[in-house]
């Protein structure tokens, strides 16, 4: 409770809470996995040299886009009535709590969107003009997710694509100018792991979402199926990780089993708690598990 009391409107603390720094884990992990594979393969590909500058730009772009998405989510969920300070079960949001004025949040959304584009623009040097198209698509769907697609149950698909396929494959492509089967499969696995965060978030909010007409995947398929799906995305990711073993990176297949053990424990905790704000503990556990997965894959690729 201490972090949500005595917060002045538009103060530095208010903006820090609005940016939701804990969510940056989800932005870092896919880039980490793509960059690790690129670094491991760079020495084996003819004419390819690893660029730390390109890697850093990928991380910065992902971080800024995540903050941008958080601002967009904060603003549009509040204005649409999906985020109410009285009924909210998750961490407090800046607009609904009055920590950040709506006009100020609009300016912040514009500023972070422009900053993300400026940070991503130099990647054209490494990946060609098609990187502009990729950047535009990321920005467009960043807005569409909150304003429309999350309300019709497509949020999970977007997570797999934009927290898995796109960042992993593009981070790799920028270094190598190619994409392998291993990279593509690992990007799908990464997207599934990170989708666990959205699943537990929507499972916690299922009753509130129903009330405001937000038809998430959890609302569509029901509570029991959602619980099994949460467990399933972790298992499926580790099974897809066998692609590393087939390509000689056996450690990258074994280390994520630590993640899977923690994922199962979190799943059991979710079943036990089942409803209410106490599920926020499982949300934190899921974020931790995602980071452990990303670290396990990256270390496994680099050292096996």
C-alpha atoms as a PDB file:
ATOM      1  CA  UNK A   1       0.000   0.000   0.000  1.00  0.00           C
ATOM      2  CA  UNK A   2       2.919   2.342   0.565  1.00  0.00           C
ATOM      3  CA  UNK A   3       3.580   2.766  -3.117  1.00  0.00           C
ATOM      4  CA  UNK A   4       0.048   4.003  -3.801  1.00  0.00           C
ATOM      5  CA  UNK A   5      -0.321   6.612  -1.072  1.00  0.00           C
ATOM      6  CA  UNK A   6       0.663  10.279  -1.029  1.00  0.00           C
ATOM      7  CA  UNK A   7       1.353  10.396  -4.756  1.00  0.00           C
ATOM      8  CA  UNK A   8       1.246  13.871  -6.255  1.00  0.00           C
ATOM      9  CA  UNK A   9      -0.417  14.314  -9.629  1.00  0.00           C
ATOM     10  CA  UNK A  10       2.056  14.086 -12.534  1.00  0.00           C
ATOM     11  CA  UNK A  11       4.963  13.576 -10.105  1.00  0.00           C
ATOM     12  CA  UNK A  12       8.018  11.466 -10.968  1.00  0.00           C
ATOM     13  CA  UNK A  13       6.656   8.663  -8.785  1.00  0.00           C
ATOM     14  CA  UNK A  14       3.314   8.817 -10.573  1.00  0.00           C
ATOM     15  CA  UNK A  15       4.999   8.463 -13.957  1.00  0.00           C
ATOM     16  CA  UNK A  16       7.206   5.628 -12.705  1.00  0.00           C
ATOM     17  CA  UNK A  17       4.129   3.703 -11.579  1.00  0.00           C
ATOM     18  CA  UNK A  18       2.387   4.474 -14.882  1.00  0.00           C
ATOM     19  CA  UNK A  19       5.383   3.109 -16.824  1.00  0.00           C
ATOM     20  CA  UNK A  20       5.104  -0.176 -14.878  1.00  0.00           C
ATOM     21  CA  UNK A  21       8.821  -1.076 -14.922  1.00  0.00           C
ATOM     22  CA  UNK A  22       8.124  -4.647 -13.784  1.00  0.00           C
ATOM     23  CA  UNK A  23       6.585  -5.362 -17.199  1.00  0.00           C
ATOM     24  CA  UNK A  24       9.915  -4.677 -18.922  1.00  0.00           C
ATOM     25  CA  UNK A  25      10.832  -8.316 -18.269  1.00  0.00           C
ATOM     26  CA  UNK A  26       8.405  -9.334 -20.989  1.00  0.00           C
ATOM     27  CA  UNK A  27      10.056  -6.898 -23.400  1.00  0.00           C
ATOM     28  CA  UNK A  28      13.600  -7.996 -22.560  1.00  0.00           C
ATOM     29  CA  UNK A  29      13.210 -11.778 -22.756  1.00  0.00           C
ATOM     30  CA  UNK A  30      12.400 -12.186 -26.493  1.00  0.00           C
ATOM     31  CA  UNK A  31      15.213  -9.830 -27.509  1.00  0.00           C
ATOM     32  CA  UNK A  32      17.541 -11.693 -25.145  1.00  0.00           C
ATOM     33  CA  UNK A  33      16.685 -15.001 -26.811  1.00  0.00           C
ATOM     34  CA  UNK A  34      17.073 -13.637 -30.349  1.00  0.00           C
ATOM     35  CA  UNK A  35      20.338 -11.849 -29.601  1.00  0.00           C
ATOM     36  CA  UNK A  36      21.814 -14.911 -27.838  1.00  0.00           C
ATOM     37  CA  UNK A  37      21.128 -17.106 -30.861  1.00  0.00           C
ATOM     38  CA  UNK A  38      22.560 -14.478 -33.206  1.00  0.00           C
ATOM     39  CA  UNK A  39      25.728 -14.176 -31.109  1.00  0.00           C
ATOM     40  CA  UNK A  40      26.148 -17.969 -31.039  1.00  0.00           C
ATOM     41  CA  UNK A  41      25.689 -18.254 -34.823  1.00  0.00           C
ATOM     42  CA  UNK A  42      27.555 -15.117 -35.937  1.00  0.00           C
ATOM     43  CA  UNK A  43      30.961 -16.786 -35.917  1.00  0.00           C
ATOM     44  CA  UNK A  44      29.685 -19.694 -38.021  1.00  0.00           C
ATOM     45  CA  UNK A  45      28.034 -17.642 -40.774  1.00  0.00           C
ATOM     46  CA  UNK A  46      30.150 -16.295 -43.595  1.00  0.00           C
ATOM     47  CA  UNK A  47      30.439 -12.493 -43.704  1.00  0.00           C
ATOM     48  CA  UNK A  48      28.477 -12.004 -40.478  1.00  0.00           C
ATOM     49  CA  UNK A  49      29.817 -10.000 -37.542  1.00  0.00           C
ATOM     50  CA  UNK A  50      27.832  -9.408 -34.369  1.00  0.00           C
ATOM     51  CA  UNK A  51      26.868  -5.775 -33.665  1.00  0.00           C
ATOM     52  CA  UNK A  52      26.425  -4.733 -30.037  1.00  0.00           C
ATOM     53  CA  UNK A  53      24.954  -1.439 -31.219  1.00  0.00           C
ATOM     54  CA  UNK A  54      22.142  -3.209 -33.073  1.00  0.00           C
ATOM     55  CA  UNK A  55      21.526  -5.424 -30.043  1.00  0.00           C
ATOM     56  CA  UNK A  56      21.317  -2.406 -27.738  1.00  0.00           C
ATOM     57  CA  UNK A  57      18.911  -0.625 -30.095  1.00  0.00           C
ATOM     58  CA  UNK A  58      16.679  -3.715 -30.122  1.00  0.00           C
ATOM     59  CA  UNK A  59      16.528  -3.725 -26.323  1.00  0.00           C
ATOM     60  CA  UNK A  60      15.835   0.026 -26.162  1.00  0.00           C
ATOM     61  CA  UNK A  61      13.104  -0.161 -28.801  1.00  0.00           C
ATOM     62  CA  UNK A  62      11.446  -3.059 -26.962  1.00  0.00           C
ATOM     63  CA  UNK A  63      11.600  -1.246 -23.616  1.00  0.00           C
ATOM     64  CA  UNK A  64      10.170   2.018 -24.958  1.00  0.00           C
ATOM     65  CA  UNK A  65       7.412   0.224 -26.869  1.00  0.00           C
ATOM     66  CA  UNK A  66       6.477  -1.641 -23.692  1.00  0.00           C
ATOM     67  CA  UNK A  67       6.205   1.622 -21.748  1.00  0.00           C
ATOM     68  CA  UNK A  68       4.226   3.109 -24.644  1.00  0.00           C
ATOM     69  CA  UNK A  69       1.863   0.122 -24.542  1.00  0.00           C
ATOM     70  CA  UNK A  70       1.442   0.568 -20.787  1.00  0.00           C
ATOM     71  CA  UNK A  71       0.528   4.242 -21.229  1.00  0.00           C
ATOM     72  CA  UNK A  72      -1.916   3.394 -24.024  1.00  0.00           C
ATOM     73  CA  UNK A  73      -3.476   0.627 -21.944  1.00  0.00           C
ATOM     74  CA  UNK A  74      -3.758   2.923 -18.920  1.00  0.00           C
ATOM     75  CA  UNK A  75      -5.425   5.735 -20.881  1.00  0.00           C
ATOM     76  CA  UNK A  76      -7.808   3.816 -23.155  1.00  0.00           C
ATOM     77  CA  UNK A  77      -8.958   1.244 -20.594  1.00  0.00           C
ATOM     78  CA  UNK A  78      -9.861   4.095 -18.258  1.00  0.00           C
ATOM     79  CA  UNK A  79     -11.703   6.152 -20.893  1.00  0.00           C
ATOM     80  CA  UNK A  80     -13.541   3.016 -22.076  1.00  0.00           C
ATOM     81  CA  UNK A  81     -14.669   2.224 -18.526  1.00  0.00           C
ATOM     82  CA  UNK A  82     -12.743  -1.073 -18.358  1.00  0.00           C
ATOM     83  CA  UNK A  83     -10.438   0.217 -15.622  1.00  0.00           C
ATOM     84  CA  UNK A  84     -12.286   1.351 -12.531  1.00  0.00           C
ATOM     85  CA  UNK A  85     -10.525   2.246  -9.280  1.00  0.00           C
ATOM     86  CA  UNK A  86     -13.386   0.707  -7.277  1.00  0.00           C
ATOM     87  CA  UNK A  87     -13.469  -2.690  -9.004  1.00  0.00           C
ATOM     88  CA  UNK A  88      -9.852  -3.095 -10.118  1.00  0.00           C
ATOM     89  CA  UNK A  89      -8.103  -6.206  -8.768  1.00  0.00           C
ATOM     90  CA  UNK A  90      -4.692  -5.696 -10.331  1.00  0.00           C
ATOM     91  CA  UNK A  91      -1.977  -3.129  -9.563  1.00  0.00           C
ATOM     92  CA  UNK A  92      -3.317   0.436  -9.471  1.00  0.00           C
ATOM     93  CA  UNK A  93      -3.375   2.421 -12.718  1.00  0.00           C
ATOM     94  CA  UNK A  94      -2.300   6.031 -13.037  1.00  0.00           C
ATOM     95  CA  UNK A  95      -5.311   7.498 -14.839  1.00  0.00           C
ATOM     96  CA  UNK A  96      -8.002   5.787 -12.778  1.00  0.00           C
ATOM     97  CA  UNK A  97      -6.225   6.798  -9.556  1.00  0.00           C
ATOM     98  CA  UNK A  98      -5.779  10.390 -10.712  1.00  0.00           C
ATOM     99  CA  UNK A  99      -1.988  10.200 -10.425  1.00  0.00           C
ATOM    100  CA  UNK A 100      -1.637  11.340 -14.040  1.00  0.00           C
ATOM    101  CA  UNK A 101      -4.000  13.730 -15.804  1.00  0.00           C
ATOM    102  CA  UNK A 102      -5.608  12.468 -19.007  1.00  0.00           C
ATOM    103  CA  UNK A 103      -4.181  15.310 -21.109  1.00  0.00           C
ATOM    104  CA  UNK A 104      -0.712  14.585 -19.725  1.00  0.00           C
ATOM    105  CA  UNK A 105      -1.070  10.891 -20.551  1.00  0.00           C
ATOM    106  CA  UNK A 106      -2.019  11.775 -24.136  1.00  0.00           C
ATOM    107  CA  UNK A 107       1.173  13.801 -24.461  1.00  0.00           C
ATOM    108  CA  UNK A 108       3.182  10.948 -22.921  1.00  0.00           C
ATOM    109  CA  UNK A 109       1.733   8.466 -25.420  1.00  0.00           C
ATOM    110  CA  UNK A 110       2.728  10.708 -28.326  1.00  0.00           C
ATOM    111  CA  UNK A 111       6.201  11.262 -26.843  1.00  0.00           C
ATOM    112  CA  UNK A 112       6.959   7.570 -26.221  1.00  0.00           C
ATOM    113  CA  UNK A 113       5.620   6.581 -29.646  1.00  0.00           C
ATOM    114  CA  UNK A 114       7.855   9.138 -31.354  1.00  0.00           C
ATOM    115  CA  UNK A 115      10.843   8.173 -29.189  1.00  0.00           C
ATOM    116  CA  UNK A 116      10.397   4.486 -30.027  1.00  0.00           C
ATOM    117  CA  UNK A 117      10.362   5.340 -33.744  1.00  0.00           C
ATOM    118  CA  UNK A 118      13.514   7.458 -33.408  1.00  0.00           C
ATOM    119  CA  UNK A 119      15.330   4.700 -31.507  1.00  0.00           C
ATOM    120  CA  UNK A 120      14.224   2.055 -34.001  1.00  0.00           C
ATOM    121  CA  UNK A 121      15.024   4.084 -37.140  1.00  0.00           C
ATOM    122  CA  UNK A 122      18.817   3.364 -37.086  1.00  0.00           C
ATOM    123  CA  UNK A 123      17.997  -0.342 -37.365  1.00  0.00           C
ATOM    124  CA  UNK A 124      17.372   0.372 -41.055  1.00  0.00           C
ATOM    125  CA  UNK A 125      21.168   0.467 -41.370  1.00  0.00           C
ATOM    126  CA  UNK A 126      21.362  -3.139 -40.170  1.00  0.00           C
ATOM    127  CA  UNK A 127      18.197  -4.667 -41.605  1.00  0.00           C
ATOM    128  CA  UNK A 128      17.165  -2.571 -44.590  1.00  0.00           C
ATOM    129  CA  UNK A 129      14.123  -0.402 -45.299  1.00  0.00           C
ATOM    130  CA  UNK A 130      11.779  -3.225 -44.359  1.00  0.00           C
ATOM    131  CA  UNK A 131      12.559  -2.371 -40.728  1.00  0.00           C
ATOM    132  CA  UNK A 132      10.426   0.764 -41.165  1.00  0.00           C
ATOM    133  CA  UNK A 133       7.444  -1.416 -42.064  1.00  0.00           C
ATOM    134  CA  UNK A 134       8.101  -3.662 -39.057  1.00  0.00           C
ATOM    135  CA  UNK A 135       8.247  -0.597 -36.811  1.00  0.00           C
ATOM    136  CA  UNK A 136       4.993   0.821 -38.197  1.00  0.00           C
ATOM    137  CA  UNK A 137       3.248  -2.528 -37.670  1.00  0.00           C
ATOM    138  CA  UNK A 138       4.475  -2.652 -34.057  1.00  0.00           C
ATOM    139  CA  UNK A 139       3.143   0.839 -33.360  1.00  0.00           C
ATOM    140  CA  UNK A 140      -0.231   0.230 -35.059  1.00  0.00           C
ATOM    141  CA  UNK A 141      -0.897  -3.012 -33.201  1.00  0.00           C
ATOM    142  CA  UNK A 142       0.275  -1.437 -29.954  1.00  0.00           C
ATOM    143  CA  UNK A 143      -2.785   0.811 -30.232  1.00  0.00           C
ATOM    144  CA  UNK A 144      -5.126  -1.807 -31.711  1.00  0.00           C
ATOM    145  CA  UNK A 145      -4.432  -4.240 -28.880  1.00  0.00           C
ATOM    146  CA  UNK A 146      -5.890  -2.018 -26.162  1.00  0.00           C
ATOM    147  CA  UNK A 147      -8.503  -0.169 -28.185  1.00  0.00           C
ATOM    148  CA  UNK A 148     -10.068  -3.143 -29.973  1.00  0.00           C
ATOM    149  CA  UNK A 149      -8.359  -6.541 -30.271  1.00  0.00           C
ATOM    150  CA  UNK A 150      -8.090  -7.323 -26.542  1.00  0.00           C
ATOM    151  CA  UNK A 151     -11.878  -6.829 -26.297  1.00  0.00           C
ATOM    152  CA  UNK A 152     -12.591  -9.611 -28.807  1.00  0.00           C
ATOM    153  CA  UNK A 153     -10.244 -12.280 -27.482  1.00  0.00           C
ATOM    154  CA  UNK A 154      -7.284 -11.713 -29.808  1.00  0.00           C
ATOM    155  CA  UNK A 155      -4.877 -10.425 -27.152  1.00  0.00           C
ATOM    156  CA  UNK A 156      -3.204 -13.807 -26.696  1.00  0.00           C
ATOM    157  CA  UNK A 157      -2.511 -14.140 -30.417  1.00  0.00           C
ATOM    158  CA  UNK A 158      -0.915 -10.691 -30.441  1.00  0.00           C
ATOM    159  CA  UNK A 159       1.287 -11.629 -27.482  1.00  0.00           C
ATOM    160  CA  UNK A 160       2.589 -14.702 -29.319  1.00  0.00           C
ATOM    161  CA  UNK A 161       3.300 -12.607 -32.406  1.00  0.00           C
ATOM    162  CA  UNK A 162       4.670  -9.393 -30.865  1.00  0.00           C
ATOM    163  CA  UNK A 163       6.341 -10.838 -27.756  1.00  0.00           C
ATOM    164  CA  UNK A 164       7.568 -13.932 -29.530  1.00  0.00           C
ATOM    165  CA  UNK A 165       7.797 -14.208 -33.288  1.00  0.00           C
ATOM    166  CA  UNK A 166       8.573 -10.581 -34.161  1.00  0.00           C
ATOM    167  CA  UNK A 167      11.184  -9.606 -31.531  1.00  0.00           C
ATOM    168  CA  UNK A 168      13.046 -12.946 -31.523  1.00  0.00           C
ATOM    169  CA  UNK A 169      13.262 -13.320 -35.300  1.00  0.00           C
ATOM    170  CA  UNK A 170      13.980  -9.644 -35.998  1.00  0.00           C
ATOM    171  CA  UNK A 171      16.684  -9.447 -33.299  1.00  0.00           C
ATOM    172  CA  UNK A 172      18.304 -12.445 -34.972  1.00  0.00           C
ATOM    173  CA  UNK A 173      17.764 -11.215 -38.534  1.00  0.00           C
ATOM    174  CA  UNK A 174      19.357  -7.830 -37.864  1.00  0.00           C
ATOM    175  CA  UNK A 175      22.609  -9.594 -36.981  1.00  0.00           C
ATOM    176  CA  UNK A 176      22.612 -12.432 -39.526  1.00  0.00           C
ATOM    177  CA  UNK A 177      20.286 -11.351 -42.362  1.00  0.00           C
ATOM    178  CA  UNK A 178      18.636 -14.754 -42.227  1.00  0.00           C
ATOM    179  CA  UNK A 179      16.247 -16.776 -40.070  1.00  0.00           C
ATOM    180  CA  UNK A 180      16.598 -20.453 -39.178  1.00  0.00           C
ATOM    181  CA  UNK A 181      14.029 -23.068 -38.200  1.00  0.00           C
ATOM    182  CA  UNK A 182      15.478 -23.045 -34.674  1.00  0.00           C
ATOM    183  CA  UNK A 183      14.967 -19.300 -34.348  1.00  0.00           C
ATOM    184  CA  UNK A 184      11.390 -19.461 -35.636  1.00  0.00           C
ATOM    185  CA  UNK A 185      10.417 -22.327 -33.330  1.00  0.00           C
ATOM    186  CA  UNK A 186      12.107 -20.655 -30.350  1.00  0.00           C
ATOM    187  CA  UNK A 187      10.188 -17.453 -31.113  1.00  0.00           C
ATOM    188  CA  UNK A 188       6.897 -19.359 -30.896  1.00  0.00           C
ATOM    189  CA  UNK A 189       8.003 -20.935 -27.613  1.00  0.00           C
ATOM    190  CA  UNK A 190       8.921 -17.508 -26.233  1.00  0.00           C
ATOM    191  CA  UNK A 191       5.549 -16.080 -27.229  1.00  0.00           C
ATOM    192  CA  UNK A 192       3.725 -18.923 -25.467  1.00  0.00           C
ATOM    193  CA  UNK A 193       5.737 -18.419 -22.274  1.00  0.00           C
ATOM    194  CA  UNK A 194       5.001 -14.693 -22.182  1.00  0.00           C
ATOM    195  CA  UNK A 195       1.323 -15.300 -22.939  1.00  0.00           C
ATOM    196  CA  UNK A 196       1.156 -16.890 -19.492  1.00  0.00           C
ATOM    197  CA  UNK A 197       1.350 -13.360 -18.092  1.00  0.00           C
ATOM    198  CA  UNK A 198      -1.717 -12.256 -20.058  1.00  0.00           C
ATOM    199  CA  UNK A 199      -3.590 -15.423 -19.151  1.00  0.00           C
ATOM    200  CA  UNK A 200      -3.154 -14.980 -15.384  1.00  0.00           C
ATOM    201  CA  UNK A 201      -3.955 -11.264 -15.719  1.00  0.00           C
ATOM    202  CA  UNK A 202      -7.192 -11.998 -17.582  1.00  0.00           C
ATOM    203  CA  UNK A 203      -8.039 -14.942 -15.316  1.00  0.00           C
ATOM    204  CA  UNK A 204      -7.870 -12.602 -12.309  1.00  0.00           C
ATOM    205  CA  UNK A 205     -10.011  -9.972 -14.071  1.00  0.00           C
ATOM    206  CA  UNK A 206     -12.522 -12.351 -15.668  1.00  0.00           C
ATOM    207  CA  UNK A 207     -15.570 -11.179 -13.719  1.00  0.00           C
ATOM    208  CA  UNK A 208     -14.806  -7.480 -14.188  1.00  0.00           C
ATOM    209  CA  UNK A 209     -14.125  -8.037 -17.907  1.00  0.00           C
ATOM    210  CA  UNK A 210     -17.464  -9.799 -18.329  1.00  0.00           C
ATOM    211  CA  UNK A 211     -19.224  -6.887 -16.677  1.00  0.00           C
ATOM    212  CA  UNK A 212     -17.748  -4.298 -19.063  1.00  0.00           C
ATOM    213  CA  UNK A 213     -18.115  -6.439 -22.199  1.00  0.00           C
ATOM    214  CA  UNK A 214     -14.419  -7.244 -22.591  1.00  0.00           C
ATOM    215  CA  UNK A 215     -14.472 -10.713 -24.139  1.00  0.00           C
ATOM    216  CA  UNK A 216     -10.936 -11.950 -23.504  1.00  0.00           C
ATOM    217  CA  UNK A 217      -9.909 -15.507 -24.347  1.00  0.00           C
ATOM    218  CA  UNK A 218     -10.381 -16.421 -20.673  1.00  0.00           C
ATOM    219  CA  UNK A 219     -13.951 -15.124 -20.781  1.00  0.00           C
ATOM    220  CA  UNK A 220     -14.589 -17.015 -24.021  1.00  0.00           C
ATOM    221  CA  UNK A 221     -13.317 -20.453 -22.985  1.00  0.00           C
ATOM    222  CA  UNK A 222     -14.159 -20.380 -19.277  1.00  0.00           C
ATOM    223  CA  UNK A 223     -12.246 -20.754 -16.046  1.00  0.00           C
ATOM    224  CA  UNK A 224     -11.296 -24.438 -16.151  1.00  0.00           C
ATOM    225  CA  UNK A 225     -10.090 -24.370 -19.755  1.00  0.00           C
ATOM    226  CA  UNK A 226      -8.116 -21.201 -19.012  1.00  0.00           C
ATOM    227  CA  UNK A 227      -6.305 -22.897 -16.132  1.00  0.00           C
ATOM    228  CA  UNK A 228      -5.333 -25.825 -18.326  1.00  0.00           C
ATOM    229  CA  UNK A 229      -4.263 -23.421 -21.059  1.00  0.00           C
ATOM    230  CA  UNK A 230      -2.001 -21.593 -18.593  1.00  0.00           C
ATOM    231  CA  UNK A 231      -0.332 -24.884 -17.707  1.00  0.00           C
ATOM    232  CA  UNK A 232      -0.243 -25.922 -21.361  1.00  0.00           C
ATOM    233  CA  UNK A 233       1.628 -22.895 -22.717  1.00  0.00           C
ATOM    234  CA  UNK A 234       4.564 -23.655 -20.403  1.00  0.00           C
ATOM    235  CA  UNK A 235       4.644 -27.338 -21.318  1.00  0.00           C
ATOM    236  CA  UNK A 236       4.318 -26.559 -25.042  1.00  0.00           C
ATOM    237  CA  UNK A 237       7.174 -24.036 -24.881  1.00  0.00           C
ATOM    238  CA  UNK A 238       9.513 -26.604 -23.333  1.00  0.00           C
ATOM    239  CA  UNK A 239       8.506 -29.225 -25.898  1.00  0.00           C
ATOM    240  CA  UNK A 240       9.214 -26.747 -28.701  1.00  0.00           C
ATOM    241  CA  UNK A 241      12.569 -26.163 -27.006  1.00  0.00           C
ATOM    242  CA  UNK A 242      13.636 -29.627 -28.143  1.00  0.00           C
ATOM    243  CA  UNK A 243      14.570 -27.884 -31.393  1.00  0.00           C
ATOM    244  CA  UNK A 244      17.683 -26.664 -29.577  1.00  0.00           C
ATOM    245  CA  UNK A 245      18.681 -30.256 -28.792  1.00  0.00           C
ATOM    246  CA  UNK A 246      18.287 -31.215 -32.452  1.00  0.00           C
ATOM    247  CA  UNK A 247      20.664 -28.386 -33.384  1.00  0.00           C
ATOM    248  CA  UNK A 248      23.340 -29.191 -30.819  1.00  0.00           C
ATOM    249  CA  UNK A 249      22.299 -26.682 -28.137  1.00  0.00           C
ATOM    250  CA  UNK A 250      21.290 -29.405 -25.665  1.00  0.00           C
ATOM    251  CA  UNK A 251      21.718 -27.135 -22.642  1.00  0.00           C
ATOM    252  CA  UNK A 252      19.090 -24.749 -24.046  1.00  0.00           C
ATOM    253  CA  UNK A 253      16.614 -27.636 -23.933  1.00  0.00           C
ATOM    254  CA  UNK A 254      17.495 -28.755 -20.406  1.00  0.00           C
ATOM    255  CA  UNK A 255      17.848 -25.485 -18.467  1.00  0.00           C
ATOM    256  CA  UNK A 256      14.247 -24.341 -19.186  1.00  0.00           C
ATOM    257  CA  UNK A 257      13.058 -27.356 -17.185  1.00  0.00           C
ATOM    258  CA  UNK A 258      13.760 -25.183 -14.123  1.00  0.00           C
ATOM    259  CA  UNK A 259      11.263 -22.690 -15.538  1.00  0.00           C
ATOM    260  CA  UNK A 260       8.753 -25.493 -16.125  1.00  0.00           C
ATOM    261  CA  UNK A 261       8.983 -26.669 -12.505  1.00  0.00           C
ATOM    262  CA  UNK A 262       8.307 -23.113 -11.276  1.00  0.00           C
ATOM    263  CA  UNK A 263       5.529 -22.703 -13.851  1.00  0.00           C
ATOM    264  CA  UNK A 264       3.753 -25.812 -12.536  1.00  0.00           C
ATOM    265  CA  UNK A 265       4.038 -24.539  -8.952  1.00  0.00           C
ATOM    266  CA  UNK A 266       2.520 -21.195 -10.001  1.00  0.00           C
ATOM    267  CA  UNK A 267      -0.269 -23.034 -11.802  1.00  0.00           C
ATOM    268  CA  UNK A 268      -1.060 -24.930  -8.595  1.00  0.00           C
ATOM    269  CA  UNK A 269      -1.063 -21.648  -6.655  1.00  0.00           C
ATOM    270  CA  UNK A 270      -3.523 -20.153  -9.143  1.00  0.00           C
ATOM    271  CA  UNK A 271      -5.828 -23.142  -8.706  1.00  0.00           C
ATOM    272  CA  UNK A 272      -5.616 -22.799  -4.939  1.00  0.00           C
ATOM    273  CA  UNK A 273      -6.242 -19.020  -4.814  1.00  0.00           C
ATOM    274  CA  UNK A 274      -8.657 -18.997  -7.774  1.00  0.00           C
ATOM    275  CA  UNK A 275     -10.133 -15.511  -7.267  1.00  0.00           C
ATOM    276  CA  UNK A 276      -9.413 -11.999  -6.082  1.00  0.00           C
ATOM    277  CA  UNK A 277      -6.459  -9.715  -5.538  1.00  0.00           C
ATOM    278  CA  UNK A 278      -4.397 -12.547  -4.061  1.00  0.00           C
ATOM    279  CA  UNK A 279      -3.821 -13.703  -7.656  1.00  0.00           C
ATOM    280  CA  UNK A 280      -1.471 -10.729  -8.047  1.00  0.00           C
ATOM    281  CA  UNK A 281       1.108 -12.880  -6.257  1.00  0.00           C
ATOM    282  CA  UNK A 282       0.798 -15.410  -9.071  1.00  0.00           C
ATOM    283  CA  UNK A 283       1.171 -12.573 -11.576  1.00  0.00           C
ATOM    284  CA  UNK A 284       4.511 -11.693  -9.967  1.00  0.00           C
ATOM    285  CA  UNK A 285       5.557 -15.343  -9.960  1.00  0.00           C
ATOM    286  CA  UNK A 286       4.711 -15.626 -13.653  1.00  0.00           C
ATOM    287  CA  UNK A 287       6.857 -12.579 -14.483  1.00  0.00           C
ATOM    288  CA  UNK A 288       9.720 -14.132 -12.522  1.00  0.00           C
ATOM    289  CA  UNK A 289       9.270 -17.456 -14.322  1.00  0.00           C
ATOM    290  CA  UNK A 290       9.357 -15.730 -17.713  1.00  0.00           C
ATOM    291  CA  UNK A 291      12.665 -14.066 -16.894  1.00  0.00           C
ATOM    292  CA  UNK A 292      14.121 -17.389 -15.709  1.00  0.00           C
ATOM    293  CA  UNK A 293      12.985 -18.988 -18.975  1.00  0.00           C
ATOM    294  CA  UNK A 294      14.654 -16.292 -21.076  1.00  0.00           C
ATOM    295  CA  UNK A 295      17.851 -16.480 -19.053  1.00  0.00           C
ATOM    296  CA  UNK A 296      17.871 -20.292 -19.238  1.00  0.00           C
ATOM    297  CA  UNK A 297      17.485 -20.319 -23.024  1.00  0.00           C
ATOM    298  CA  UNK A 298      20.073 -17.583 -23.567  1.00  0.00           C
ATOM    299  CA  UNK A 299      22.658 -19.231 -21.289  1.00  0.00           C
ATOM    300  CA  UNK A 300      21.903 -22.626 -22.797  1.00  0.00           C
ATOM    301  CA  UNK A 301      22.443 -21.388 -26.341  1.00  0.00           C
ATOM    302  CA  UNK A 302      25.676 -19.574 -25.493  1.00  0.00           C
ATOM    303  CA  UNK A 303      27.304 -22.322 -23.434  1.00  0.00           C
ATOM    304  CA  UNK A 304      26.174 -25.615 -24.949  1.00  0.00           C
END
